[in-house]
Amino acid sequence: MKQNVDVVRIRENSIQLNGWVIGKTPESVPEFQVTDGKGKPMEFRYVATRRDDVSQIYYGKTYDKDFGFDIQFPYERGKDYYLVICCDGRKIKIKYNEELIGKRASVAHKRMQKIKDLMNMETVHVAWDFFKENGLKALIVKSTHKIQGLDNDYDYAEWYSLTKPSDEELKRQREEVFAWTPKFSIVIPLYKTPERYLKEMLDSILGQTYGNWELCLVDGSPEGEDVSRIVKKYTGKDSRVKYKILGYNGGISVNTNAAIEMAEGEFIVLADHDDAMTPDALYECAKVLNEHPYCDVIYSDEDKMDMDGGALFDPHFKPDFNPDLLTSVNYICHQFIVKRELVEQVGGLRKEFDGAQDYDFIFRCTEKANEIVHIPKVLYHWRCHEASTASNPQSKRYAYEAGQRALEDYCLRKGWKATVSGLKHLGFYREDYEDSVFCQRPEIGIWAKPLPGGRDVFGIRHPKGFLVSGLYENDGLMRYAGLRKGYSGPMHRAALQQSAPAADLRSMEDCSALKERYAQTIAELKEACRGLPTAAQETKILQKSMEFCKEATAAGYGILWDPQA
């Protein structure tokens, strides 16, 4: 039996464990138990999770089985608890208390765990196979990268505390006067909002360094469960806070639209009732608008915070606007700001997409936007709790089904004949185009996909069972090289890439306008590779691939990489 608990988080009055277990065979079934410090069994919540990375590492192929787990159990500070895992006749007990959780979360502990993971027979076997296929030099390079990766862990909360705006910077922001001071309307639907979380959200807005804003709150809570008592304290001390009791619950879209109707600002800011904005959030947005006066959509980076609001984790550092990535996953999500004129043009949020109403709304806004600006700063803290998709994706499957419908509707508006399907990782999607991608998307000139291993291409044979990614960065470095077939890469990013800077000539199909030039390039490549050793051939392939892709891009064609093809 092999196991690992990757993530341990204290959640208000509970502990959440995320990890994996494998036995002697893929058919091995682990059993779990949680006990208190005296060994008395406790109730716990268990959810099986997909862990293809574990399947790939230990068995060499993907099994349609959930090797991961999400376990949550009650917790009192100062007490000891044990997770007991039984599999194939073996038993492992892992102790948890506040001190141990803090110690295991340290960078030093994570580094030592990585070293242990490298020092096992599986690693030796993999290294030996890699040496036989690629030689000593390649093994040394790969091993160096592995060792360098030991230092890649960091404590995000510590990093954030060191890089967030200082008190002096926040004071300077409050005193800064912009040439244009757009008014932001923050719209928040309320529904049975816990008092503590609501106060934290309201305080985060009142603490903004930029002052030209209004807060539009609409309460759809049942009679007697509204938060008027709390909100009135804020409306009494700040006239920028507006509050309306809806009298019914119309759902997230209807309630949000009601808040938008209250708005008088030039820009609409979407936010959730239990999250928090950083004090510089609106300042950074105002700064962008003064630098980009025609911008009508803004989004920022974000992270997650625990139930207590005291721990920040899992930062989401987003790329600049990428429409193909957006069709794979709602990577924008929070801190989404839209010009009110654009909101009126697209018609607000749509009830039929509740659960993924923001995904649908983002699609419709970005389609018609003049300019979209990404702020590469964490300006939003997303509270993570058991019922939230931020913590437990299984808790809101309906949201992902709504996301698929939103993407299908987007394809219809674009005129694409495509079948949309959800990937095995919840919240991730793909499109399969009728006939071919070139028939539906004339802007795409190159369609690239990974090569299966074990094939001879220009006389070069690749390791069986592995993919040659076919995806190059602008600097010529190959991304996701050496993935096992069926594996989607770290954090599944390989499955989400889609738009590519460049692609390997061996892995691409091209549109009719590029076919003649492609055939010419292939002929030149074959001639250049004749008689050369493998390493030199790879260099020539890279060179010619980059040249061809640059020509195609300069001619106005996009490159679409499809790792699932």
Protein backbone atom coordinates (compact mmCIF):
# COMPACT_ATOMS: atom_id res chain seq x y z
CA MET A 1 0.00 0.00 0.00
CA LYS A 2 1.13 3.50 -0.84
CA GLN A 3 -0.62 6.65 0.33
CA ASN A 4 -0.20 10.36 0.73
CA VAL A 5 -2.24 13.16 2.27
CA ASP A 6 -1.48 16.09 -0.03
CA VAL A 7 -3.57 18.79 1.64
CA VAL A 8 -4.70 19.28 5.25
CA ARG A 9 -6.89 22.25 6.05
CA ILE A 10 -8.60 23.32 9.26
CA ARG A 11 -12.12 24.46 8.38
CA GLU A 12 -13.81 26.27 11.27
CA ASN A 13 -14.87 23.22 13.34
CA SER A 14 -13.57 20.49 11.06
CA ILE A 15 -10.49 19.08 9.36
CA GLN A 16 -10.42 18.41 5.61
CA LEU A 17 -7.95 15.88 4.16
CA ASN A 18 -7.22 15.44 0.45
CA GLY A 19 -4.97 12.61 -0.68
CA TRP A 20 -4.69 9.22 -2.37
CA VAL A 21 -4.23 5.51 -1.68
CA ILE A 22 -3.19 2.64 -3.95
CA GLY A 23 -2.76 -1.03 -3.16
CA LYS A 24 -0.87 -3.91 -4.72
CA THR A 25 -3.23 -3.93 -7.71
CA PRO A 26 -5.66 -1.43 -9.22
CA GLU A 27 -8.47 -3.58 -7.82
CA SER A 28 -7.31 -3.10 -4.21
CA VAL A 29 -9.95 -1.37 -2.10
CA PRO A 30 -8.78 0.84 0.79
CA GLU A 31 -10.89 1.31 3.91
CA PHE A 32 -10.88 4.44 6.05
CA GLN A 33 -11.59 5.15 9.70
CA VAL A 34 -11.25 8.28 11.83
CA THR A 35 -10.72 8.00 15.58
CA ASP A 36 -10.22 10.44 18.43
CA GLY A 37 -7.13 10.50 20.64
CA LYS A 38 -8.44 7.54 22.68
CA GLY A 39 -9.08 5.39 19.61
CA LYS A 40 -12.87 5.84 19.62
CA PRO A 41 -14.34 5.79 16.08
CA MET A 42 -15.80 9.07 14.80
CA GLU A 43 -18.23 9.94 12.04
CA PHE A 44 -16.63 11.45 8.93
CA ARG A 45 -17.59 12.45 5.41
CA TYR A 46 -15.84 10.60 2.57
CA VAL A 47 -15.84 11.47 -1.15
CA ALA A 48 -13.82 9.49 -3.70
CA THR A 49 -11.90 11.73 -6.11
CA ARG A 50 -10.22 11.23 -9.47
CA ARG A 51 -6.40 11.04 -9.33
CA ASP A 52 -5.10 10.06 -12.77
CA ASP A 53 -1.64 11.29 -11.78
CA VAL A 54 -1.44 8.55 -9.17
CA SER A 55 -2.74 5.92 -11.58
CA GLN A 56 -0.19 6.93 -14.18
CA ILE A 57 2.80 7.06 -11.86
CA TYR A 58 2.34 3.64 -10.34
CA TYR A 59 0.69 1.57 -13.04
CA GLY A 60 1.87 3.11 -16.28
CA LYS A 61 -1.63 3.66 -17.62
CA THR A 62 -4.90 5.35 -16.65
CA TYR A 63 -7.46 3.24 -14.80
CA ASP A 64 -11.08 4.29 -14.65
CA LYS A 65 -11.04 4.31 -10.87
CA ASP A 66 -10.98 6.92 -8.13
CA PHE A 67 -7.69 6.61 -6.25
CA GLY A 68 -8.10 9.89 -4.38
CA PHE A 69 -10.11 10.84 -1.32
CA ASP A 70 -11.66 13.89 0.31
CA ILE A 71 -12.29 13.26 4.02
CA GLN A 72 -13.76 15.69 6.52
CA PHE A 73 -14.39 15.18 10.25
CA PRO A 74 -15.23 17.32 13.32
CA TYR A 75 -12.30 18.94 15.08
CA GLU A 76 -11.62 20.69 18.37
CA ARG A 77 -8.40 22.62 18.84
CA GLY A 78 -5.98 21.06 21.26
CA LYS A 79 -7.17 17.48 20.70
CA ASP A 80 -5.58 14.57 18.82
CA TYR A 81 -7.17 12.65 15.94
CA TYR A 82 -6.13 9.71 13.77
CA LEU A 83 -6.81 8.77 10.16
CA VAL A 84 -6.65 4.98 9.81
CA ILE A 85 -6.16 3.50 6.32
CA CYS A 86 -6.37 -0.27 5.72
CA CYS A 87 -5.53 -1.90 2.39
CA ASP A 88 -4.21 -5.32 1.37
CA GLY A 89 -3.91 -6.41 5.01
CA ARG A 90 -1.80 -3.38 5.99
CA LYS A 91 -2.83 -0.59 8.36
CA ILE A 92 -1.48 2.96 8.62
CA LYS A 93 -2.38 5.45 11.38
CA ILE A 94 -1.71 9.15 10.78
CA LYS A 95 -1.94 11.49 13.74
CA TYR A 96 -3.39 15.00 13.46
CA ASN A 97 -3.37 17.90 15.85
CA GLU A 98 -2.84 21.63 15.45
CA GLU A 99 0.93 21.41 15.98
CA LEU A 100 1.45 18.56 13.51
CA ILE A 101 -0.75 20.17 10.86
CA GLY A 102 1.32 23.35 11.03
CA LYS A 103 4.58 21.39 10.87
CA ARG A 104 3.51 19.33 7.84
CA ALA A 105 2.42 22.47 6.01
CA SER A 106 5.91 23.96 6.24
CA VAL A 107 8.13 24.31 3.18
CA ALA A 108 10.88 22.26 4.88
CA HIS A 109 8.53 19.31 5.42
CA LYS A 110 7.26 19.45 1.83
CA ARG A 111 10.83 19.49 0.55
CA MET A 112 11.75 16.45 2.64
CA GLN A 113 8.63 14.64 1.39
CA LYS A 114 9.68 15.29 -2.20
CA ILE A 115 13.14 13.85 -1.47
CA LYS A 116 11.54 10.70 -0.01
CA ASP A 117 9.31 10.37 -3.06
CA LEU A 118 12.37 10.47 -5.32
CA MET A 119 14.16 7.76 -3.31
CA ASN A 120 12.12 4.67 -4.20
CA MET A 121 12.32 1.76 -6.61
CA GLU A 122 9.63 3.17 -8.90
CA THR A 123 11.85 6.19 -9.50
CA VAL A 124 14.83 3.93 -10.22
CA HIS A 125 12.86 1.90 -12.77
CA VAL A 126 11.53 5.02 -14.50
CA ALA A 127 15.03 6.54 -14.60
CA TRP A 128 16.48 3.32 -16.07
CA ASP A 129 13.83 3.19 -18.80
CA PHE A 130 14.43 6.85 -19.60
CA PHE A 131 18.20 6.26 -19.79
CA LYS A 132 17.76 3.34 -22.24
CA GLU A 133 15.54 5.41 -24.53
CA ASN A 134 17.26 8.81 -24.32
CA GLY A 135 20.84 8.36 -23.12
CA LEU A 136 22.90 9.58 -20.18
CA LYS A 137 22.96 13.28 -21.11
CA ALA A 138 19.15 13.51 -21.28
CA LEU A 139 18.87 11.65 -17.95
CA ILE A 140 21.24 14.12 -16.27
CA VAL A 141 19.22 17.07 -17.59
CA LYS A 142 15.93 15.53 -16.45
CA SER A 143 17.34 14.65 -13.01
CA THR A 144 18.69 18.18 -12.59
CA HIS A 145 15.25 19.59 -13.28
CA LYS A 146 13.75 17.19 -10.73
CA ILE A 147 16.24 18.24 -8.06
CA GLN A 148 15.73 21.92 -8.83
CA GLY A 149 12.01 21.36 -8.44
CA LEU A 150 12.53 20.48 -4.78
CA ASP A 151 12.74 24.16 -4.03
CA ASN A 152 9.59 25.08 -5.90
CA ASP A 153 7.36 24.87 -2.81
CA TYR A 154 6.54 28.08 -1.04
CA ASP A 155 4.13 29.29 1.53
CA TYR A 156 1.60 31.34 -0.39
CA ALA A 157 0.23 33.10 2.68
CA GLU A 158 3.76 34.20 3.58
CA TRP A 159 4.42 35.34 0.02
CA TYR A 160 1.16 37.29 -0.04
CA SER A 161 1.91 39.05 3.23
CA LEU A 162 5.29 40.16 1.84
CA THR A 163 3.96 41.36 -1.52
CA LYS A 164 0.59 42.92 -0.68
CA PRO A 165 0.42 46.75 -0.54
CA SER A 166 1.95 48.21 2.60
CA ASP A 167 0.08 50.61 4.89
CA GLU A 168 2.10 53.43 3.36
CA GLU A 169 1.08 52.36 -0.16
CA LEU A 170 -2.59 52.10 0.84
CA LYS A 171 -2.39 55.60 2.34
CA ARG A 172 -0.88 56.91 -0.88
CA GLN A 173 -3.68 55.27 -2.91
CA ARG A 174 -6.34 56.99 -0.77
CA GLU A 175 -4.74 60.34 -1.51
CA GLU A 176 -4.27 59.80 -5.26
CA VAL A 177 -6.58 61.77 -7.57
CA PHE A 178 -7.26 60.24 -11.00
CA ALA A 179 -8.08 62.31 -14.08
CA TRP A 180 -11.16 60.10 -14.48
CA THR A 181 -12.94 58.75 -11.42
CA PRO A 182 -15.44 56.16 -12.71
CA LYS A 183 -18.11 55.02 -10.31
CA PHE A 184 -18.18 51.30 -9.47
CA SER A 185 -21.42 49.60 -8.48
CA ILE A 186 -20.70 46.45 -6.47
CA VAL A 187 -23.73 44.16 -6.80
CA ILE A 188 -24.24 41.39 -4.26
CA PRO A 189 -27.27 39.08 -3.90
CA LEU A 190 -27.85 37.96 -0.30
CA TYR A 191 -29.49 34.73 0.81
CA LYS A 192 -29.34 33.46 4.38
CA THR A 193 -25.89 34.99 4.61
CA PRO A 194 -24.02 34.11 7.85
CA GLU A 195 -23.59 37.29 9.87
CA ARG A 196 -19.84 36.94 10.30
CA TYR A 197 -19.12 36.43 6.60
CA LEU A 198 -21.40 39.29 5.57
CA LYS A 199 -19.66 41.68 7.95
CA GLU A 200 -16.25 40.67 6.59
CA MET A 201 -17.41 41.31 3.02
CA LEU A 202 -18.96 44.67 3.91
CA ASP A 203 -15.88 45.73 5.86
CA SER A 204 -13.64 44.81 2.92
CA ILE A 205 -15.69 47.14 0.69
CA LEU A 206 -15.79 50.01 3.15
CA GLY A 207 -12.01 49.65 3.45
CA GLN A 208 -11.37 50.35 -0.26
CA THR A 209 -8.69 52.94 -0.96
CA TYR A 210 -10.69 54.20 -3.96
CA GLY A 211 -13.80 56.05 -2.85
CA ASN A 212 -16.15 56.43 -5.83
CA TRP A 213 -18.26 53.31 -5.38
CA GLU A 214 -21.69 52.16 -4.28
CA LEU A 215 -22.78 48.85 -2.85
CA CYS A 216 -26.09 47.39 -4.05
CA LEU A 217 -27.41 44.61 -1.82
CA VAL A 218 -30.53 42.60 -2.65
CA ASP A 219 -31.81 40.16 -0.04
CA GLY A 220 -33.75 37.13 -1.26
CA SER A 221 -33.81 35.38 2.14
CA PRO A 222 -37.11 33.96 3.48
CA GLU A 223 -39.18 36.21 5.72
CA GLY A 224 -37.61 36.53 9.13
CA GLU A 225 -34.19 35.34 7.90
CA ASP A 226 -33.04 38.50 6.15
CA VAL A 227 -29.96 40.41 7.26
CA SER A 228 -31.57 43.84 7.53
CA ARG A 229 -30.49 44.22 11.16
CA ILE A 230 -26.82 43.95 10.18
CA VAL A 231 -27.00 45.92 6.95
CA LYS A 232 -28.85 48.85 8.56
CA LYS A 233 -25.81 49.48 10.73
CA TYR A 234 -23.80 49.97 7.54
CA THR A 235 -26.39 52.01 5.64
CA GLY A 236 -26.61 54.27 8.65
CA LYS A 237 -22.92 55.11 8.60
CA ASP A 238 -22.27 55.12 4.84
CA SER A 239 -24.78 56.38 2.27
CA ARG A 240 -22.98 54.46 -0.48
CA VAL A 241 -24.49 51.23 0.88
CA LYS A 242 -27.93 50.44 -0.63
CA TYR A 243 -30.18 47.63 0.57
CA LYS A 244 -33.38 46.10 -0.75
CA ILE A 245 -35.42 43.18 0.56
CA LEU A 246 -36.63 41.30 -2.49
CA GLY A 247 -39.47 39.48 -0.72
CA TYR A 248 -38.79 36.21 -2.53
CA ASN A 249 -35.88 34.13 -3.77
CA GLY A 250 -35.66 34.29 -7.55
CA GLY A 251 -32.35 32.43 -7.69
CA ILE A 252 -28.85 33.77 -8.17
CA SER A 253 -29.45 35.35 -11.61
CA VAL A 254 -32.78 37.03 -10.79
CA ASN A 255 -31.45 38.31 -7.47
CA THR A 256 -28.25 39.64 -9.06
CA ASN A 257 -30.18 41.36 -11.84
CA ALA A 258 -32.32 43.06 -9.18
CA ALA A 259 -29.12 44.40 -7.61
CA ILE A 260 -27.91 45.58 -11.03
CA GLU A 261 -31.18 47.51 -11.48
CA MET A 262 -30.29 49.49 -8.33
CA ALA A 263 -26.88 50.41 -9.74
CA GLU A 264 -26.07 53.93 -10.90
CA GLY A 265 -22.34 53.49 -11.53
CA GLU A 266 -20.57 53.31 -14.86
CA PHE A 267 -19.14 49.86 -14.07
CA ILE A 268 -20.71 46.79 -12.49
CA VAL A 269 -18.61 44.70 -10.08
CA LEU A 270 -19.84 41.16 -9.38
CA ALA A 271 -19.12 39.75 -5.92
CA ASP A 272 -20.39 36.99 -3.62
CA HIS A 273 -21.92 37.62 -0.21
CA ASP A 274 -19.37 35.60 1.80
CA ASP A 275 -16.10 36.54 0.06
CA ALA A 276 -13.81 39.57 0.46
CA MET A 277 -12.11 42.17 -1.72
CA THR A 278 -8.58 43.38 -1.09
CA PRO A 279 -8.37 47.07 -0.05
CA ASP A 280 -6.71 48.05 -3.35
CA ALA A 281 -9.19 46.20 -5.61
CA LEU A 282 -11.16 49.19 -6.90
CA TYR A 283 -8.08 51.41 -6.97
CA GLU A 284 -6.39 49.01 -9.39
CA CYS A 285 -9.53 48.96 -11.56
CA ALA A 286 -9.69 52.77 -11.66
CA LYS A 287 -6.00 52.86 -12.55
CA VAL A 288 -6.59 50.48 -15.48
CA LEU A 289 -9.50 52.55 -16.79
CA ASN A 290 -7.40 55.70 -16.76
CA GLU A 291 -4.72 53.89 -18.76
CA HIS A 292 -7.24 52.12 -21.05
CA PRO A 293 -10.22 54.47 -21.49
CA TYR A 294 -11.91 52.16 -24.03
CA CYS A 295 -11.72 49.13 -21.76
CA ASP A 296 -15.12 47.72 -20.83
CA VAL A 297 -14.19 44.39 -19.17
CA ILE A 298 -11.69 43.88 -16.33
CA TYR A 299 -10.75 40.80 -14.33
CA SER A 300 -8.05 40.05 -11.75
CA ASP A 301 -6.26 37.18 -10.06
CA GLU A 302 -7.77 35.63 -6.95
CA ASP A 303 -7.06 33.19 -4.12
CA LYS A 304 -9.04 31.23 -1.56
CA MET A 305 -9.44 31.80 2.17
CA ASP A 306 -10.57 29.37 4.83
CA MET A 307 -13.76 29.53 6.84
CA ASP A 308 -12.10 31.53 9.57
CA GLY A 309 -10.78 34.05 7.06
CA GLY A 310 -7.35 33.73 8.59
CA ALA A 311 -5.61 31.52 6.03
CA LEU A 312 -5.07 32.24 2.35
CA PHE A 313 -4.24 29.45 -0.07
CA ASP A 314 -4.51 28.15 -3.65
CA PRO A 315 -3.81 31.35 -5.62
CA HIS A 316 -5.16 31.54 -9.16
CA PHE A 317 -2.74 33.55 -11.29
CA LYS A 318 -4.65 33.92 -14.53
CA PRO A 319 -3.39 34.54 -18.07
CA ASP A 320 -4.40 37.51 -20.17
CA PHE A 321 -7.66 37.04 -22.02
CA ASN A 322 -7.66 33.73 -23.90
CA PRO A 323 -10.98 32.82 -25.55
CA ASP A 324 -9.93 29.24 -26.29
CA LEU A 325 -8.94 28.67 -22.67
CA LEU A 326 -12.30 30.13 -21.63
CA THR A 327 -14.05 27.45 -23.69
CA SER A 328 -12.18 24.84 -21.63
CA VAL A 329 -12.89 26.23 -18.17
CA ASN A 330 -14.21 29.36 -16.49
CA TYR A 331 -10.74 30.55 -15.56
CA ILE A 332 -11.90 34.17 -15.05
CA CYS A 333 -14.51 33.53 -12.35
CA HIS A 334 -14.10 36.24 -9.68
CA GLN A 335 -13.36 39.86 -9.68
CA PHE A 336 -15.21 40.47 -12.92
CA ILE A 337 -15.95 44.11 -13.75
CA VAL A 338 -18.10 45.15 -16.72
CA LYS A 339 -19.16 48.49 -18.15
CA ARG A 340 -22.83 48.99 -17.36
CA GLU A 341 -23.65 49.84 -20.99
CA LEU A 342 -22.30 46.44 -21.98
CA VAL A 343 -24.36 44.74 -19.25
CA GLU A 344 -27.48 46.41 -20.62
CA GLN A 345 -26.52 45.37 -24.13
CA VAL A 346 -26.14 41.66 -23.30
CA GLY A 347 -29.18 41.68 -21.00
CA GLY A 348 -27.78 40.78 -17.57
CA LEU A 349 -27.61 37.27 -16.11
CA ARG A 350 -29.84 34.46 -17.36
CA LYS A 351 -31.79 32.27 -14.93
CA GLU A 352 -31.67 29.17 -17.16
CA PHE A 353 -27.92 28.98 -16.52
CA ASP A 354 -28.08 29.26 -12.72
CA GLY A 355 -25.09 27.48 -11.26
CA ALA A 356 -22.91 28.71 -14.14
CA GLN A 357 -24.64 32.05 -14.67
CA ASP A 358 -21.29 33.83 -14.34
CA TYR A 359 -19.74 31.59 -17.04
CA ASP A 360 -22.57 32.40 -19.45
CA PHE A 361 -22.40 36.09 -18.55
CA ILE A 362 -18.63 36.22 -19.08
CA PHE A 363 -19.00 34.64 -22.52
CA ARG A 364 -21.62 37.17 -23.61
CA CYS A 365 -19.72 40.17 -22.25
CA THR A 366 -16.30 39.23 -23.66
CA GLU A 367 -17.84 38.51 -27.09
CA LYS A 368 -18.94 42.14 -27.43
CA ALA A 369 -16.20 43.89 -25.44
CA ASN A 370 -14.02 46.54 -27.07
CA GLU A 371 -11.05 45.85 -24.80
CA ILE A 372 -10.49 43.29 -22.05
CA VAL A 373 -7.80 43.91 -19.43
CA HIS A 374 -6.42 41.38 -16.97
CA ILE A 375 -4.94 42.80 -13.74
CA PRO A 376 -2.16 40.36 -12.68
CA LYS A 377 -2.75 40.92 -8.97
CA VAL A 378 -4.75 39.04 -6.35
CA LEU A 379 -7.68 41.38 -5.65
CA TYR A 380 -10.29 38.90 -4.43
CA HIS A 381 -10.45 36.28 -1.66
CA TRP A 382 -12.89 33.42 -2.35
CA ARG A 383 -14.16 31.85 0.89
CA CYS A 384 -13.87 28.09 0.79
CA HIS A 385 -16.32 25.89 2.68
CA GLU A 386 -17.79 22.42 2.37
CA ALA A 387 -20.79 23.42 0.26
CA SER A 388 -18.74 25.58 -2.07
CA THR A 389 -17.35 24.56 -5.44
CA ALA A 390 -14.14 26.22 -4.24
CA SER A 391 -13.63 23.28 -1.82
CA ASN A 392 -15.74 20.35 -2.91
CA PRO A 393 -16.47 20.18 -6.67
CA GLN A 394 -18.79 17.21 -6.17
CA SER A 395 -21.15 19.37 -4.09
CA LYS A 396 -22.47 21.30 -7.08
CA ARG A 397 -22.52 18.98 -10.08
CA TYR A 398 -25.49 20.90 -11.42
CA ALA A 399 -23.20 23.92 -11.80
CA TYR A 400 -20.93 22.04 -14.20
CA GLU A 401 -23.89 20.77 -16.20
CA ALA A 402 -25.08 24.38 -16.48
CA GLY A 403 -21.55 25.33 -17.59
CA GLN A 404 -21.74 22.82 -20.41
CA ARG A 405 -25.05 24.32 -21.54
CA ALA A 406 -23.53 27.82 -21.41
CA LEU A 407 -20.67 26.68 -23.64
CA GLU A 408 -23.10 25.00 -26.05
CA ASP A 409 -25.02 28.27 -26.30
CA TYR A 410 -21.78 30.15 -26.95
CA CYS A 411 -20.93 27.78 -29.82
CA LEU A 412 -24.38 28.36 -31.33
CA ARG A 413 -23.90 32.14 -31.24
CA LYS A 414 -20.51 31.75 -32.88
CA GLY A 415 -22.01 29.57 -35.60
CA TRP A 416 -19.86 26.59 -34.66
CA LYS A 417 -21.29 23.14 -35.27
CA ALA A 418 -19.68 21.43 -32.32
CA THR A 419 -20.48 18.86 -29.68
CA VAL A 420 -19.59 20.02 -26.17
CA SER A 421 -18.69 17.45 -23.54
CA GLY A 422 -17.45 17.62 -19.98
CA LEU A 423 -14.03 16.15 -19.24
CA LYS A 424 -13.47 13.67 -16.44
CA HIS A 425 -12.24 16.59 -14.35
CA LEU A 426 -15.35 18.50 -13.24
CA GLY A 427 -15.68 21.99 -14.66
CA PHE A 428 -13.48 21.28 -17.68
CA TYR A 429 -14.91 21.01 -21.20
CA ARG A 430 -13.97 20.35 -24.80
CA GLU A 431 -15.50 20.93 -28.23
CA ASP A 432 -15.53 18.37 -31.03
CA TYR A 433 -16.18 20.15 -34.31
CA GLU A 434 -18.39 18.73 -37.05
CA ASP A 435 -16.33 17.66 -40.10
CA SER A 436 -13.22 19.46 -38.86
CA VAL A 437 -12.10 22.48 -36.90
CA PHE A 438 -11.23 24.21 -40.18
CA CYS A 439 -14.83 23.95 -41.41
CA GLN A 440 -16.17 25.70 -38.32
CA ARG A 441 -13.36 28.10 -37.46
CA PRO A 442 -11.74 29.79 -40.46
CA GLU A 443 -9.36 31.72 -38.20
CA ILE A 444 -7.61 28.46 -37.24
CA GLY A 445 -4.83 27.45 -39.63
CA ILE A 446 -3.10 24.68 -37.68
CA TRP A 447 -4.64 21.90 -35.61
CA ALA A 448 -2.03 20.10 -33.53
CA LYS A 449 -2.29 17.05 -31.30
CA PRO A 450 0.13 14.93 -29.29
CA LEU A 451 1.84 12.06 -31.03
CA PRO A 452 1.48 8.56 -29.57
CA GLY A 453 4.75 7.05 -28.54
CA GLY A 454 6.40 4.12 -30.25
CA ARG A 455 6.06 5.63 -33.72
CA ASP A 456 8.72 6.25 -36.31
CA VAL A 457 8.54 9.84 -37.52
CA PHE A 458 11.32 10.89 -39.88
CA GLY A 459 13.26 7.89 -38.59
CA ILE A 460 12.95 8.91 -34.92
CA ARG A 461 11.35 6.40 -32.56
CA HIS A 462 9.76 7.62 -29.33
CA PRO A 463 9.19 5.74 -26.06
CA LYS A 464 6.11 3.54 -26.05
CA GLY A 465 3.19 4.70 -23.99
CA PHE A 466 4.35 8.31 -23.89
CA LEU A 467 3.17 11.30 -25.86
CA VAL A 468 5.26 13.70 -27.87
CA SER A 469 3.34 16.82 -26.97
CA GLY A 470 3.74 18.73 -30.19
CA LEU A 471 3.31 22.00 -28.27
CA TYR A 472 6.14 24.53 -28.34
CA GLU A 473 6.49 27.82 -26.52
CA ASN A 474 7.71 30.91 -28.37
CA ASP A 475 11.23 30.22 -27.14
CA GLY A 476 11.21 26.75 -28.70
CA LEU A 477 10.83 24.80 -25.46
CA MET A 478 8.40 21.89 -25.63
CA ARG A 479 5.60 21.92 -23.07
CA TYR A 480 4.12 18.78 -21.53
CA ALA A 481 6.77 16.60 -23.16
CA GLY A 482 6.85 13.00 -21.95
CA LEU A 483 3.29 12.76 -20.60
CA ARG A 484 1.84 9.30 -20.49
CA LYS A 485 -1.01 8.64 -22.89
CA GLY A 486 -4.31 9.66 -21.31
CA TYR A 487 -2.71 11.85 -18.67
CA SER A 488 -3.65 15.52 -18.77
CA GLY A 489 -0.64 16.99 -17.03
CA PRO A 490 -0.10 18.94 -13.80
CA MET A 491 -3.36 20.53 -12.60
CA HIS A 492 -4.84 19.24 -15.86
CA ARG A 493 -3.45 22.28 -17.65
CA ALA A 494 -2.45 20.19 -20.64
CA ALA A 495 -6.10 19.36 -21.22
CA LEU A 496 -6.98 23.03 -21.10
CA GLN A 497 -4.25 24.59 -23.20
CA GLN A 498 -5.98 24.70 -26.60
CA SER A 499 -4.42 27.88 -27.99
CA ALA A 500 -0.75 27.33 -28.77
CA PRO A 501 2.21 29.58 -29.63
CA ALA A 502 3.69 26.91 -31.92
CA ALA A 503 3.40 23.21 -32.73
CA ASP A 504 5.57 20.32 -33.88
CA LEU A 505 5.37 19.71 -37.64
CA ARG A 506 4.91 15.99 -36.97
CA SER A 507 1.75 16.55 -34.94
CA MET A 508 -0.26 18.98 -37.06
CA GLU A 509 -2.94 19.19 -39.67
CA ASP A 510 -3.34 22.43 -41.59
CA CYS A 511 -6.02 24.33 -43.43
CA SER A 512 -6.17 24.28 -47.23
CA ALA A 513 -4.43 27.66 -47.57
CA LEU A 514 -1.33 26.33 -45.76
CA LYS A 515 -1.13 22.85 -47.29
CA GLU A 516 1.24 23.75 -50.13
CA ARG A 517 3.65 25.55 -47.81
CA TYR A 518 3.40 22.68 -45.30
CA ALA A 519 4.29 20.07 -47.96
CA GLN A 520 7.25 22.19 -49.03
CA THR A 521 8.44 22.51 -45.42
CA ILE A 522 8.17 18.75 -44.84
CA ALA A 523 10.22 18.08 -47.97
CA GLU A 524 12.90 20.50 -46.78
CA LEU A 525 12.86 18.88 -43.33
CA LYS A 526 13.29 15.33 -44.65
CA GLU A 527 16.24 16.45 -46.75
CA ALA A 528 17.82 18.30 -43.82
CA CYS A 529 17.40 15.27 -41.48
CA ARG A 530 18.92 12.73 -43.85
CA GLY A 531 21.91 11.00 -42.26
CA LEU A 532 21.82 13.05 -39.06
CA PRO A 533 21.82 11.47 -35.56
CA THR A 534 18.59 11.59 -33.54
CA ALA A 535 19.49 14.64 -31.43
CA ALA A 536 20.46 16.66 -34.50
CA GLN A 537 17.23 15.62 -36.25
CA GLU A 538 15.20 16.87 -33.29
CA THR A 539 16.96 20.22 -33.53
CA LYS A 540 16.10 20.49 -37.23
CA ILE A 541 12.46 19.53 -36.55
CA LEU A 542 12.20 22.25 -33.91
CA GLN A 543 13.77 24.84 -36.20
CA LYS A 544 11.47 24.08 -39.13
CA SER A 545 8.40 23.83 -36.87
CA MET A 546 9.01 27.27 -35.39
CA GLU A 547 9.60 28.78 -38.84
CA PHE A 548 6.37 27.34 -40.24
CA CYS A 549 4.29 28.41 -37.24
CA LYS A 550 5.67 31.94 -37.34
CA GLU A 551 4.74 32.18 -41.02
CA ALA A 552 1.22 30.93 -40.31
CA THR A 553 0.76 33.33 -37.39
CA ALA A 554 2.05 36.26 -39.44
CA ALA A 555 -0.54 35.36 -42.10
CA GLY A 556 -3.26 35.74 -39.46
CA TYR A 557 -3.90 32.08 -38.63
CA GLY A 558 -4.32 30.70 -35.14
CA ILE A 559 -2.88 27.45 -33.77
CA LEU A 560 -5.17 25.12 -31.84
CA TRP A 561 -3.63 22.34 -29.76
CA ASP A 562 -5.86 19.43 -28.86
CA PRO A 563 -4.33 17.13 -26.22
CA GLN A 564 -7.40 14.89 -26.16
CA ALA A 565 -7.40 14.07 -29.87
